[in-house]
């Protein structure tokens, strides 16, 4: 499989970007298809359970996002560095967190024991996948990364979608998703395998990924996912089942605007990690422009957007479409800044996000009315304030120490071209 890197020229970089973008579209499309099918195939109460479980897995499974970012940054500086031990530990901690908090979640979110068991099992698989995705991203093997993203999306969502079409219950649907997610993990490992070794890669392999690096990236990613998904959790707790189901349809638009431009951060992170900071401004401009286009589209066709997301029965909520989309667009900017800060080694990159999550909790629980509109406006205001604070706190871009690589290797599938990198710091 031919690989493409930024160092190979604009044309081949464009091909890599197109491949990753296509894989991201498949991932997002399958992720959006699942709640859309749920809205049509499940009763309102079961739809709310499905949406809540997806949110929980996304929040706890964000440890995998942090693992992927940490592995990508580390592999960009140290090709071949070992990641297995940290990956297994991260997955175990994430799954254990679900087990420990299960009694509280079952009580507060009205979820059964079997549903929580499925959440824990799925979380472990989702986190483990972050290891191989991060290795491919950090070594800029973007074509293999695109294949891995597509395969993982099929395992994560396609099985559950088929189950819903066949009329399965929400529990059976989640069980199918658990099985198919584990089935694709060996495929990811095969795609990420390293076929050659030499003196340089062996030297790099001695620079192991540290737990602290994963914790820094993981807590930042967790904070971002918590604050962007928290409104859905609060809706489940504070609204009636029918209102909670309707709100979950609106969050499909939020997540669409949040994840649509993320391919640019995937391509940019390895270059930011080795000192190429010029791409940071480009990333923010592209992400912001994409968000503006999506919000405009939602404003012009809100009824259609809600109808497409949840069916004709939800089209009457179309007037709120631009606000749900704007919330996602603002958080997309926040996510881009988080990636840049992690690559730059910023201390406490997640601090503003945790403050935002606390503010959102106070707003929804004690200030705003417990209605769809009240939670929606709380989420939108929190997103706007968080984006502003994160942009104002952007660190001044500066090139890394000379020991780090300042440009990518000529061939990402052949890390032997690169000189050894010194450990960060």
Protein backbone atom coordinates (compact mmCIF):
# COMPACT_ATOMS: atom_id res chain seq x y z
CA UNK A 1 0.00 0.00 0.00
CA UNK A 2 1.54 3.28 -1.10
CA UNK A 3 1.74 5.90 1.60
CA UNK A 4 1.55 9.66 1.32
CA UNK A 5 3.16 12.32 3.48
CA UNK A 6 3.41 16.09 3.44
CA UNK A 7 7.01 15.71 2.40
CA UNK A 8 5.97 13.88 -0.76
CA UNK A 9 4.49 16.95 -2.44
CA UNK A 10 1.17 18.82 -2.55
CA UNK A 11 -0.45 16.37 -4.96
CA UNK A 12 0.19 13.31 -2.84
CA UNK A 13 -0.66 15.21 0.34
CA UNK A 14 -3.96 16.11 -1.30
CA UNK A 15 -4.59 12.44 -2.02
CA UNK A 16 -3.87 11.55 1.61
CA UNK A 17 -6.15 14.34 2.82
CA UNK A 18 -8.91 13.17 0.51
CA UNK A 19 -8.57 9.62 1.78
CA UNK A 20 -8.72 10.66 5.43
CA UNK A 21 -11.63 12.99 4.67
CA UNK A 22 -13.50 10.16 2.96
CA UNK A 23 -12.86 7.88 5.94
CA UNK A 24 -14.05 10.62 8.30
CA UNK A 25 -17.19 11.02 6.20
CA UNK A 26 -17.85 7.28 6.44
CA UNK A 27 -17.28 7.42 10.21
CA UNK A 28 -19.50 10.43 10.74
CA UNK A 29 -22.13 9.15 8.33
CA UNK A 30 -22.43 5.83 10.15
CA UNK A 31 -22.39 7.60 13.52
CA UNK A 32 -25.26 9.89 12.43
CA UNK A 33 -27.15 7.06 10.74
CA UNK A 34 -27.40 5.12 13.99
CA UNK A 35 -29.49 7.65 16.00
CA UNK A 36 -31.47 8.47 12.86
CA UNK A 37 -32.44 4.81 12.52
CA UNK A 38 -33.10 4.69 16.24
CA UNK A 39 -35.53 7.59 15.96
CA UNK A 40 -37.47 5.63 13.34
CA UNK A 41 -37.22 2.10 14.76
CA UNK A 42 -37.29 2.53 18.54
CA UNK A 43 -39.87 3.81 20.97
CA UNK A 44 -39.08 7.19 22.46
CA UNK A 45 -37.85 5.71 25.75
CA UNK A 46 -35.54 3.23 23.98
CA UNK A 47 -34.29 6.02 21.70
CA UNK A 48 -33.32 8.01 24.78
CA UNK A 49 -31.45 4.98 26.17
CA UNK A 50 -29.57 4.51 22.90
CA UNK A 51 -28.60 8.19 22.72
CA UNK A 52 -27.51 8.19 26.36
CA UNK A 53 -25.37 5.06 25.92
CA UNK A 54 -23.71 6.50 22.83
CA UNK A 55 -22.93 9.65 24.79
CA UNK A 56 -21.49 7.67 27.72
CA UNK A 57 -19.25 5.57 25.46
CA UNK A 58 -18.13 8.75 23.70
CA UNK A 59 -17.27 10.40 27.02
CA UNK A 60 -15.48 7.48 28.68
CA UNK A 61 -14.06 6.25 25.38
CA UNK A 62 -12.45 9.64 24.87
CA UNK A 63 -9.54 8.08 26.71
CA UNK A 64 -8.94 6.46 23.33
CA UNK A 65 -8.95 9.88 21.67
CA UNK A 66 -6.37 11.05 24.18
CA UNK A 67 -4.36 7.87 23.64
CA UNK A 68 -4.46 8.42 19.88
CA UNK A 69 -3.29 12.04 20.19
CA UNK A 70 -0.51 11.16 22.63
CA UNK A 71 0.67 8.25 20.48
CA UNK A 72 0.53 10.41 17.34
CA UNK A 73 2.58 13.21 18.89
CA UNK A 74 5.11 10.75 20.33
CA UNK A 75 5.44 8.69 17.16
CA UNK A 76 5.92 11.89 15.13
CA UNK A 77 9.01 12.61 17.25
CA UNK A 78 10.11 9.01 17.89
CA UNK A 79 9.15 6.55 15.12
CA UNK A 80 8.87 3.02 16.45
CA UNK A 81 8.53 3.99 20.12
CA UNK A 82 6.65 1.25 22.07
CA UNK A 83 3.01 1.96 22.95
CA UNK A 84 1.52 -1.41 23.91
CA UNK A 85 1.84 -1.22 27.69
CA UNK A 86 0.40 2.27 27.99
CA UNK A 87 -2.44 1.41 25.59
CA UNK A 88 -3.50 -1.64 27.62
CA UNK A 89 -3.32 0.34 30.85
CA UNK A 90 -5.41 3.16 29.43
CA UNK A 91 -8.10 0.76 28.21
CA UNK A 92 -8.21 -1.00 31.59
CA UNK A 93 -8.58 2.27 33.47
CA UNK A 94 -11.37 3.48 31.18
CA UNK A 95 -13.31 0.24 31.48
CA UNK A 96 -12.78 0.18 35.22
CA UNK A 97 -14.13 3.73 35.52
CA UNK A 98 -17.41 2.57 33.98
CA UNK A 99 -17.61 -0.37 36.39
CA UNK A 100 -16.94 1.81 39.44
CA UNK A 101 -19.49 4.47 38.46
CA UNK A 102 -22.13 2.00 37.22
CA UNK A 103 -24.34 2.13 40.37
CA UNK A 104 -24.53 5.92 40.21
CA UNK A 105 -25.17 5.98 36.46
CA UNK A 106 -27.84 3.30 36.73
CA UNK A 107 -29.67 5.34 39.37
CA UNK A 108 -29.34 8.80 37.84
CA UNK A 109 -29.78 7.86 34.18
CA UNK A 110 -32.24 4.98 34.69
CA UNK A 111 -30.08 2.42 32.90
CA UNK A 112 -30.12 -1.35 33.50
CA UNK A 113 -27.19 -3.46 34.67
CA UNK A 114 -26.93 -5.25 31.32
CA UNK A 115 -26.74 -1.93 29.50
CA UNK A 116 -23.93 -0.73 31.78
CA UNK A 117 -22.04 -4.00 31.21
CA UNK A 118 -22.24 -3.40 27.47
CA UNK A 119 -21.03 0.17 27.96
CA UNK A 120 -17.97 -1.05 29.89
CA UNK A 121 -17.07 -3.71 27.33
CA UNK A 122 -17.48 -1.40 24.37
CA UNK A 123 -15.41 1.28 26.07
CA UNK A 124 -12.38 -1.02 26.35
CA UNK A 125 -12.50 -1.84 22.64
CA UNK A 126 -12.93 1.82 21.62
CA UNK A 127 -9.93 2.88 23.72
CA UNK A 128 -7.70 0.10 22.42
CA UNK A 129 -8.36 1.22 18.85
CA UNK A 130 -6.77 4.58 19.67
CA UNK A 131 -3.34 2.96 19.89
CA UNK A 132 -3.20 1.80 16.27
CA UNK A 133 -4.91 4.89 14.90
CA UNK A 134 -2.36 7.05 16.73
CA UNK A 135 0.59 5.08 15.40
CA UNK A 136 -0.60 5.53 11.82
CA UNK A 137 -1.37 9.22 12.34
CA UNK A 138 1.92 10.06 14.04
CA UNK A 139 3.99 8.32 11.36
CA UNK A 140 1.90 10.08 8.69
CA UNK A 141 0.83 6.85 7.04
CA UNK A 142 -2.40 8.55 6.14
CA UNK A 143 -3.68 6.10 3.55
CA UNK A 144 -3.45 3.24 6.02
CA UNK A 145 -4.99 5.54 8.62
CA UNK A 146 -7.93 6.16 6.30
CA UNK A 147 -8.45 2.42 5.86
CA UNK A 148 -8.21 1.90 9.63
CA UNK A 149 -10.73 4.66 10.33
CA UNK A 150 -13.18 3.18 7.85
CA UNK A 151 -12.82 -0.36 9.17
CA UNK A 152 -13.23 0.79 12.77
CA UNK A 153 -16.33 2.80 11.85
CA UNK A 154 -17.88 -0.28 10.26
CA UNK A 155 -17.20 -2.31 13.37
CA UNK A 156 -18.39 0.40 15.71
CA UNK A 157 -21.63 1.43 13.98
CA UNK A 158 -22.61 -0.72 11.00
CA UNK A 159 -23.52 -3.77 13.04
CA UNK A 160 -25.82 -1.76 15.31
CA UNK A 161 -27.44 -0.08 12.31
CA UNK A 162 -28.20 -3.44 10.72
CA UNK A 163 -29.60 -4.69 14.03
CA UNK A 164 -31.97 -1.72 14.21
CA UNK A 165 -33.13 -2.27 10.63
CA UNK A 166 -33.89 -5.89 11.50
CA UNK A 167 -36.02 -4.76 14.44
CA UNK A 168 -33.69 -5.56 17.35
CA UNK A 169 -34.27 -4.08 20.77
CA UNK A 170 -31.91 -1.47 22.15
CA UNK A 171 -30.08 -4.05 24.32
CA UNK A 172 -29.63 -6.48 21.43
CA UNK A 173 -28.44 -3.60 19.24
CA UNK A 174 -25.78 -2.64 21.78
CA UNK A 175 -24.68 -6.29 22.10
CA UNK A 176 -24.16 -6.53 18.33
CA UNK A 177 -22.10 -3.33 18.46
CA UNK A 178 -19.90 -4.78 21.21
CA UNK A 179 -19.14 -7.92 19.20
CA UNK A 180 -18.43 -6.19 15.89
CA UNK A 181 -16.17 -3.61 17.54
CA UNK A 182 -13.91 -6.31 18.96
CA UNK A 183 -13.88 -8.17 15.65
CA UNK A 184 -12.19 -5.29 13.83
CA UNK A 185 -9.39 -4.71 16.34
CA UNK A 186 -7.08 -7.36 14.77
CA UNK A 187 -7.55 -5.64 11.42
CA UNK A 188 -6.37 -2.34 12.92
CA UNK A 189 -3.31 -4.05 14.39
CA UNK A 190 -2.49 -5.54 10.97
CA UNK A 191 -2.82 -2.16 9.23
CA UNK A 192 -0.52 -0.50 11.78
CA UNK A 193 2.18 -3.16 11.70
CA UNK A 194 5.74 -2.05 10.93
CA UNK A 195 7.26 -4.20 8.22
CA UNK A 196 10.89 -3.05 8.51
CA UNK A 197 13.32 -2.12 11.26
CA UNK A 198 16.78 -0.60 11.22
CA UNK A 199 19.24 1.17 13.47
CA UNK A 200 17.27 4.41 13.61
CA UNK A 201 13.92 2.79 14.34
CA UNK A 202 15.52 0.54 16.94
CA UNK A 203 17.03 3.55 18.67
CA UNK A 204 13.67 5.31 18.63
CA UNK A 205 11.96 2.23 20.05
CA UNK A 206 13.80 2.81 23.32
CA UNK A 207 11.91 6.05 23.85
CA UNK A 208 8.70 4.66 25.36
CA UNK A 209 5.49 6.62 25.54
CA UNK A 210 4.95 7.83 29.10
CA UNK A 211 1.74 7.62 31.08
CA UNK A 212 1.93 11.36 31.76
CA UNK A 213 1.73 12.12 28.06
CA UNK A 214 -1.44 10.06 27.69
CA UNK A 215 -2.94 11.60 30.81
CA UNK A 216 -2.31 15.13 29.54
CA UNK A 217 -3.88 14.45 26.16
CA UNK A 218 -6.60 12.25 27.63
CA UNK A 219 -7.78 14.72 30.26
CA UNK A 220 -7.91 17.49 27.68
CA UNK A 221 -9.88 15.37 25.24
CA UNK A 222 -12.11 14.11 28.04
CA UNK A 223 -12.89 17.63 29.17
CA UNK A 224 -13.77 18.65 25.64
CA UNK A 225 -16.07 15.67 25.14
CA UNK A 226 -17.67 16.10 28.56
CA UNK A 227 -18.52 19.73 27.95
CA UNK A 228 -19.79 19.03 24.42
CA UNK A 229 -21.92 16.03 25.40
CA UNK A 230 -23.02 17.15 28.86
CA UNK A 231 -26.16 18.89 27.58
CA UNK A 232 -27.44 15.56 26.24
CA UNK A 233 -26.83 13.93 29.63
CA UNK A 234 -28.61 16.77 31.43
CA UNK A 235 -31.50 16.51 28.98
CA UNK A 236 -31.84 12.82 29.83
CA UNK A 237 -31.95 13.66 33.54
CA UNK A 238 -34.05 16.85 33.56
CA UNK A 239 -36.53 16.45 30.70
CA UNK A 240 -39.37 14.05 30.08
CA UNK A 241 -38.53 11.00 27.92
CA UNK A 242 -40.27 12.57 24.92
CA UNK A 243 -38.44 15.89 25.34
CA UNK A 244 -35.13 14.10 25.92
CA UNK A 245 -35.60 12.12 22.72
CA UNK A 246 -36.35 15.33 20.80
CA UNK A 247 -33.28 17.01 22.26
CA UNK A 248 -31.13 14.04 21.21
CA UNK A 249 -32.20 14.68 17.62
CA UNK A 250 -30.96 18.27 17.89
CA UNK A 251 -27.60 17.07 19.16
CA UNK A 252 -27.14 15.12 15.91
CA UNK A 253 -26.73 18.56 14.28
CA UNK A 254 -24.35 19.61 17.05
CA UNK A 255 -22.14 16.58 16.55
CA UNK A 256 -22.23 17.03 12.77
CA UNK A 257 -20.85 20.56 13.05
CA UNK A 258 -18.36 19.43 15.71
CA UNK A 259 -16.79 16.57 13.76
CA UNK A 260 -17.16 17.66 10.14
CA UNK A 261 -13.89 19.69 9.97
CA UNK A 262 -11.78 17.40 12.12
CA UNK A 263 -9.86 15.87 9.22
CA UNK A 264 -7.70 19.01 9.12
CA UNK A 265 -6.57 18.44 12.73
CA UNK A 266 -5.73 14.81 11.93
CA UNK A 267 -3.39 15.89 9.14
CA UNK A 268 -1.91 18.82 11.07
CA UNK A 269 -1.13 17.20 14.45
CA UNK A 270 2.10 15.38 13.42
CA UNK A 271 3.48 18.56 11.84
CA UNK A 272 2.61 20.61 14.93
CA UNK A 273 4.32 17.98 17.06
CA UNK A 274 7.67 18.42 15.28
CA UNK A 275 7.68 22.22 15.38
CA UNK A 276 5.77 23.29 12.24
CA UNK A 277 3.51 25.89 13.88
CA UNK A 278 2.50 27.77 10.75
CA UNK A 279 -0.28 25.30 10.18
CA UNK A 280 -2.05 26.33 13.38
CA UNK A 281 -3.54 29.48 11.88
CA UNK A 282 -4.56 27.59 8.76
CA UNK A 283 -6.31 24.95 10.85
CA UNK A 284 -8.29 27.52 12.83
CA UNK A 285 -9.34 29.40 9.71
CA UNK A 286 -10.54 26.24 7.96
CA UNK A 287 -12.39 24.92 11.01
CA UNK A 288 -14.05 28.28 11.63
CA UNK A 289 -15.07 28.66 8.00
CA UNK A 290 -16.53 25.16 7.90
CA UNK A 291 -18.57 25.91 11.01
CA UNK A 292 -19.90 29.14 9.56
CA UNK A 293 -21.07 27.33 6.44
CA UNK A 294 -22.83 24.63 8.45
CA UNK A 295 -24.60 27.14 10.70
CA UNK A 296 -25.76 29.08 7.65
CA UNK A 297 -27.11 25.91 6.08
CA UNK A 298 -28.93 25.00 9.30
CA UNK A 299 -30.48 28.47 9.44
CA UNK A 300 -31.71 28.23 5.85
CA UNK A 301 -33.01 24.68 6.06
CA UNK A 302 -33.69 24.01 9.75
CA UNK A 303 -36.92 22.06 9.23
CA UNK A 304 -35.22 19.83 6.67
CA UNK A 305 -32.20 19.33 8.95
CA UNK A 306 -34.33 18.23 11.91
CA UNK A 307 -36.49 16.08 9.67
CA UNK A 308 -33.43 14.43 8.17
CA UNK A 309 -31.91 13.82 11.61
CA UNK A 310 -34.99 12.41 13.32
CA UNK A 311 -37.85 12.06 10.88
CA UNK A 312 -40.82 14.19 9.89
CA UNK A 313 -42.16 14.20 13.45
CA UNK A 314 -39.27 16.40 14.58
CA UNK A 315 -39.31 18.90 11.70
CA UNK A 316 -41.30 21.40 13.77
CA UNK A 317 -38.18 22.01 15.88
CA UNK A 318 -36.31 23.35 12.85
CA UNK A 319 -36.13 26.90 14.21
CA UNK A 320 -33.57 25.66 16.76
CA UNK A 321 -31.32 24.01 14.16
CA UNK A 322 -28.83 26.91 13.77
CA UNK A 323 -28.25 27.06 17.53
CA UNK A 324 -27.51 23.35 17.81
CA UNK A 325 -25.21 23.63 14.79
CA UNK A 326 -23.49 26.74 16.19
CA UNK A 327 -22.78 24.94 19.46
CA UNK A 328 -21.01 22.18 17.53
CA UNK A 329 -19.13 24.66 15.32
CA UNK A 330 -17.81 26.53 18.35
CA UNK A 331 -16.67 23.32 20.00
CA UNK A 332 -14.92 22.34 16.75
CA UNK A 333 -12.77 25.45 17.16
CA UNK A 334 -12.13 24.50 20.79
CA UNK A 335 -11.06 21.00 19.73
CA UNK A 336 -8.64 22.44 17.16
CA UNK A 337 -7.07 24.64 19.85
CA UNK A 338 -6.80 21.67 22.22
CA UNK A 339 -4.90 19.69 19.56
CA UNK A 340 -2.53 22.60 18.98
CA UNK A 341 -1.89 23.00 22.70
CA UNK A 342 -1.21 19.29 23.20
CA UNK A 343 1.24 19.28 20.30
CA UNK A 344 2.96 22.35 21.77
CA UNK A 345 3.29 20.71 25.20
CA UNK A 346 1.11 23.33 26.91
CA UNK A 347 0.73 22.79 30.63
CA UNK A 348 -2.83 22.10 31.80
CA UNK A 349 -4.43 22.31 28.33
CA UNK A 350 -7.75 21.12 29.75
CA UNK A 351 -8.20 23.71 32.51
CA UNK A 352 -10.61 26.07 30.67
CA UNK A 353 -12.66 23.10 29.53
CA UNK A 354 -13.24 21.78 33.03
CA UNK A 355 -14.29 25.26 34.13
CA UNK A 356 -16.72 25.35 31.20
CA UNK A 357 -18.17 21.97 32.15
CA UNK A 358 -18.77 23.21 35.69
CA UNK A 359 -20.44 26.38 34.43
CA UNK A 360 -22.70 24.38 32.12
CA UNK A 361 -23.73 22.14 35.01
CA UNK A 362 -24.64 25.17 37.16
CA UNK A 363 -26.56 26.80 34.32
CA UNK A 364 -28.62 23.77 33.41
CA UNK A 365 -29.27 22.52 36.94
CA UNK A 366 -29.91 25.77 38.82
CA UNK A 367 -30.33 28.73 36.46
CA UNK A 368 -31.93 27.86 33.12
CA UNK A 369 -35.46 26.46 32.87
CA UNK A 370 -35.64 22.71 32.54
CA UNK A 371 -36.86 22.82 28.95
CA UNK A 372 -35.39 22.00 25.56
CA UNK A 373 -34.77 25.70 24.97
CA UNK A 374 -33.23 26.26 28.39
CA UNK A 375 -30.67 23.48 28.00
CA UNK A 376 -29.98 24.45 24.38
CA UNK A 377 -29.20 28.07 25.25
CA UNK A 378 -27.02 27.00 28.18
CA UNK A 379 -24.97 24.76 25.90
CA UNK A 380 -24.67 27.43 23.21
CA UNK A 381 -23.54 30.12 25.67
CA UNK A 382 -21.00 27.80 27.27
CA UNK A 383 -19.58 26.87 23.87
CA UNK A 384 -19.22 30.51 22.81
CA UNK A 385 -17.50 31.52 26.05
CA UNK A 386 -15.16 28.52 25.96
CA UNK A 387 -14.11 29.17 22.37
CA UNK A 388 -13.36 32.81 23.16
CA UNK A 389 -11.27 31.96 26.22
CA UNK A 390 -9.33 29.25 24.39
CA UNK A 391 -8.52 31.54 21.47
CA UNK A 392 -7.37 34.32 23.80
CA UNK A 393 -5.13 31.84 25.67
CA UNK A 394 -3.38 30.49 22.58
CA UNK A 395 0.34 30.17 23.38
CA UNK A 396 2.75 32.06 21.21
CA UNK A 397 3.96 29.70 18.53
CA UNK A 398 7.62 28.81 18.82
CA UNK A 399 9.85 26.21 17.23
CA UNK A 400 10.85 23.23 19.28
CA UNK A 401 14.34 22.34 20.37
CA UNK A 402 16.73 21.35 17.65
CA UNK A 403 16.63 17.75 18.78
CA UNK A 404 13.08 17.38 17.46
CA UNK A 405 12.43 16.95 13.80
CA UNK A 406 11.31 20.15 12.12
CA UNK A 407 10.09 18.46 8.96
CA UNK A 408 8.48 15.11 8.22
CA UNK A 409 10.37 12.26 6.59
CA UNK A 410 10.29 11.87 2.85
CA UNK A 411 8.28 8.68 3.19
CA UNK A 412 5.97 8.03 6.15
CA UNK A 413 5.90 4.33 5.40
CA UNK A 414 9.70 4.31 5.67
CA UNK A 415 10.70 6.06 8.92
CA UNK A 416 14.33 5.10 8.25
CA UNK A 417 14.68 8.37 6.34
CA UNK A 418 14.39 10.37 9.57
CA UNK A 419 17.20 11.21 11.96
CA UNK A 420 16.72 10.10 15.56
CA UNK A 421 14.82 12.59 17.70
CA UNK A 422 15.81 13.61 21.18
CA UNK A 423 13.32 13.04 24.00
CA UNK A 424 11.04 16.07 24.54
CA UNK A 425 12.09 18.49 27.24
